[in-house]
């Protein structure tokens, strides 16, 4: 019995990418496709070998599985993008090509990522706790910024968040 039938996983729809927050979408999408056991079709652009003369049942089954995984991965990526982005990728032939196109188009180069990290660190440093907010809301806001920094590939220690909270929380707490 496969994963889809046993867990109802196929009823969970993939995260849809509309051009914003590529890094978040990519992490979610990779996890989604790994759960469906089709991620390898995205990661490796493998060829499907032709069947030899008088193939065994195992060879036929293996070839069919590889074809199915490639088709499912491509269909999954087509489903997981907005119609605007779909029109840009619809002519690409494999899930591997689609994934790499989206990555090159939306991930941004190192300089852009570096600028985003700097802006997020600045935003983090400028955060102040409002008197009307709870500590939980404040810490959630700081954690959100820290996680966005981490998604861009930079390290951001939890101790920095704790320090920020201890220094900026009003005395009444």
Protein backbone atom coordinates (compact mmCIF):
# COMPACT_ATOMS: atom_id res chain seq x y z
CA UNK A 1 0.00 0.00 0.00
CA UNK A 2 1.47 3.36 -0.92
CA UNK A 3 1.70 6.51 1.19
CA UNK A 4 -1.17 8.26 -0.57
CA UNK A 5 -3.64 5.46 0.07
CA UNK A 6 -2.59 4.71 3.63
CA UNK A 7 -2.45 8.22 5.06
CA UNK A 8 -4.70 10.33 2.90
CA UNK A 9 -1.65 12.50 2.18
CA UNK A 10 -2.74 13.21 -1.38
CA UNK A 11 -5.66 15.21 0.03
CA UNK A 12 -3.15 17.74 1.38
CA UNK A 13 -2.51 20.18 -1.42
CA UNK A 14 0.99 21.48 -2.13
CA UNK A 15 1.99 25.00 -1.06
CA UNK A 16 1.35 27.40 -3.95
CA UNK A 17 4.16 29.71 -5.04
CA UNK A 18 3.07 33.14 -6.31
CA UNK A 19 6.49 34.76 -6.66
CA UNK A 20 6.95 35.84 -3.01
CA UNK A 21 8.96 34.11 -0.27
CA UNK A 22 10.70 31.62 -2.54
CA UNK A 23 12.88 30.21 0.26
CA UNK A 24 9.89 29.34 2.45
CA UNK A 25 8.02 27.78 -0.47
CA UNK A 26 11.08 25.75 -1.56
CA UNK A 27 11.55 24.24 1.91
CA UNK A 28 7.85 23.34 2.14
CA UNK A 29 7.75 21.99 -1.40
CA UNK A 30 10.81 19.80 -0.92
CA UNK A 31 9.26 18.29 2.23
CA UNK A 32 5.94 17.79 0.43
CA UNK A 33 7.58 16.02 -2.52
CA UNK A 34 9.76 13.88 -0.23
CA UNK A 35 6.61 12.73 1.55
CA UNK A 36 5.13 11.73 -1.81
CA UNK A 37 8.40 9.92 -2.66
CA UNK A 38 8.91 11.96 -5.84
CA UNK A 39 11.68 14.33 -4.72
CA UNK A 40 14.42 12.27 -6.39
CA UNK A 41 12.85 13.07 -9.78
CA UNK A 42 13.44 16.76 -9.03
CA UNK A 43 16.87 16.37 -7.49
CA UNK A 44 18.35 14.11 -10.17
CA UNK A 45 17.61 14.43 -13.85
CA UNK A 46 17.85 10.69 -14.38
CA UNK A 47 17.25 9.03 -17.72
CA UNK A 48 14.72 6.24 -17.97
CA UNK A 49 16.60 3.33 -19.52
CA UNK A 50 15.03 1.49 -22.44
CA UNK A 51 13.84 -1.99 -21.68
CA UNK A 52 16.08 -4.80 -22.94
CA UNK A 53 14.74 -7.55 -25.17
CA UNK A 54 12.68 -9.98 -23.07
CA UNK A 55 12.59 -7.76 -19.95
CA UNK A 56 11.85 -9.26 -16.55
CA UNK A 57 8.79 -8.17 -14.60
CA UNK A 58 11.13 -6.37 -12.17
CA UNK A 59 12.69 -4.36 -15.02
CA UNK A 60 9.26 -3.43 -16.40
CA UNK A 61 8.07 -2.42 -12.93
CA UNK A 62 11.23 -0.37 -12.25
CA UNK A 63 10.95 1.50 -15.55
CA UNK A 64 7.26 2.23 -14.97
CA UNK A 65 8.02 3.51 -11.43
CA UNK A 66 10.73 5.86 -12.68
CA UNK A 67 8.44 7.23 -15.42
CA UNK A 68 5.59 7.69 -12.95
CA UNK A 69 7.79 9.52 -10.43
CA UNK A 70 9.01 11.93 -13.12
CA UNK A 71 5.45 12.59 -14.30
CA UNK A 72 4.09 13.05 -10.79
CA UNK A 73 6.92 15.42 -9.85
CA UNK A 74 6.29 17.58 -12.94
CA UNK A 75 2.53 17.61 -12.34
CA UNK A 76 3.09 18.45 -8.67
CA UNK A 77 5.26 21.46 -9.57
CA UNK A 78 2.71 22.62 -12.16
CA UNK A 79 0.03 22.47 -9.44
CA UNK A 80 2.20 24.28 -6.90
CA UNK A 81 2.63 27.56 -8.79
CA UNK A 82 0.28 30.42 -9.59
CA UNK A 83 -1.07 30.68 -13.13
CA UNK A 84 1.32 33.56 -13.89
CA UNK A 85 4.35 31.44 -13.00
CA UNK A 86 2.86 28.37 -14.70
CA UNK A 87 2.93 30.13 -18.06
CA UNK A 88 6.69 30.62 -17.63
CA UNK A 89 7.42 26.96 -16.86
CA UNK A 90 4.83 25.07 -18.91
CA UNK A 91 7.22 24.38 -21.80
CA UNK A 92 9.94 22.88 -19.60
CA UNK A 93 10.26 19.13 -20.04
CA UNK A 94 11.15 17.82 -16.58
CA UNK A 95 10.65 18.52 -12.88
CA UNK A 96 14.44 18.97 -12.64
CA UNK A 97 14.36 21.77 -15.25
CA UNK A 98 11.33 23.41 -13.63
CA UNK A 99 12.90 23.37 -10.13
CA UNK A 100 16.19 24.83 -11.39
CA UNK A 101 14.39 27.52 -13.40
CA UNK A 102 12.36 28.60 -10.36
CA UNK A 103 15.46 28.57 -8.19
CA UNK A 104 17.50 30.72 -10.58
CA UNK A 105 14.60 33.07 -11.20
CA UNK A 106 13.39 33.64 -7.64
CA UNK A 107 16.06 32.68 -5.13
CA UNK A 108 18.23 35.68 -5.92
CA UNK A 109 21.99 35.78 -6.09
CA UNK A 110 24.32 36.02 -3.09
CA UNK A 111 24.46 39.82 -3.20
CA UNK A 112 20.67 40.12 -3.10
CA UNK A 113 20.43 37.55 -0.30
CA UNK A 114 23.12 39.45 1.61
CA UNK A 115 21.15 42.69 1.30
CA UNK A 116 17.99 40.95 2.50
CA UNK A 117 19.86 39.54 5.50
CA UNK A 118 21.21 42.99 6.37
CA UNK A 119 17.72 44.51 6.12
CA UNK A 120 16.28 41.78 8.33
CA UNK A 121 19.05 42.22 10.94
CA UNK A 122 18.33 45.96 10.93
CA UNK A 123 14.63 45.24 11.36
CA UNK A 124 15.46 42.88 14.25
CA UNK A 125 17.66 45.47 15.97
CA UNK A 126 14.99 48.18 15.64
CA UNK A 127 12.26 46.07 17.28
CA UNK A 128 10.89 47.43 20.53
CA UNK A 129 8.21 45.87 22.67
CA UNK A 130 5.01 47.86 22.66
CA UNK A 131 3.40 48.37 26.08
CA UNK A 132 0.14 46.90 24.79
CA UNK A 133 1.68 43.69 23.45
CA UNK A 134 2.40 40.47 25.32
CA UNK A 135 5.88 38.98 25.66
CA UNK A 136 4.69 36.07 23.53
CA UNK A 137 3.67 38.35 20.64
CA UNK A 138 6.98 40.20 20.89
CA UNK A 139 9.09 37.04 21.01
CA UNK A 140 7.10 35.55 18.10
CA UNK A 141 7.86 38.68 16.03
CA UNK A 142 11.58 38.42 16.83
CA UNK A 143 11.62 34.69 16.10
CA UNK A 144 9.89 35.28 12.76
CA UNK A 145 12.61 37.74 11.71
CA UNK A 146 15.35 35.36 12.93
CA UNK A 147 13.86 32.46 10.97
CA UNK A 148 13.68 34.55 7.80
CA UNK A 149 17.39 35.34 8.26
CA UNK A 150 18.12 31.62 8.69
CA UNK A 151 16.13 30.76 5.57
CA UNK A 152 18.47 32.99 3.58
CA UNK A 153 21.38 30.82 4.72
CA UNK A 154 22.79 32.98 7.50
CA UNK A 155 23.31 31.85 11.06
CA UNK A 156 21.37 33.60 13.79
CA UNK A 157 21.79 32.33 17.35
CA UNK A 158 18.84 31.85 19.68
CA UNK A 159 20.91 33.53 22.40
CA UNK A 160 20.71 36.75 20.39
CA UNK A 161 16.92 36.61 20.53
CA UNK A 162 16.98 35.96 24.28
CA UNK A 163 19.40 38.88 24.80
CA UNK A 164 17.16 41.17 22.76
CA UNK A 165 14.12 40.20 24.82
CA UNK A 166 15.92 40.67 28.14
CA UNK A 167 17.25 44.09 27.12
CA UNK A 168 14.11 45.49 25.50
CA UNK A 169 11.24 44.14 27.60
CA UNK A 170 9.72 46.91 29.80
CA UNK A 171 10.57 46.69 33.51
CA UNK A 172 7.05 45.79 34.59
CA UNK A 173 7.69 42.29 33.20
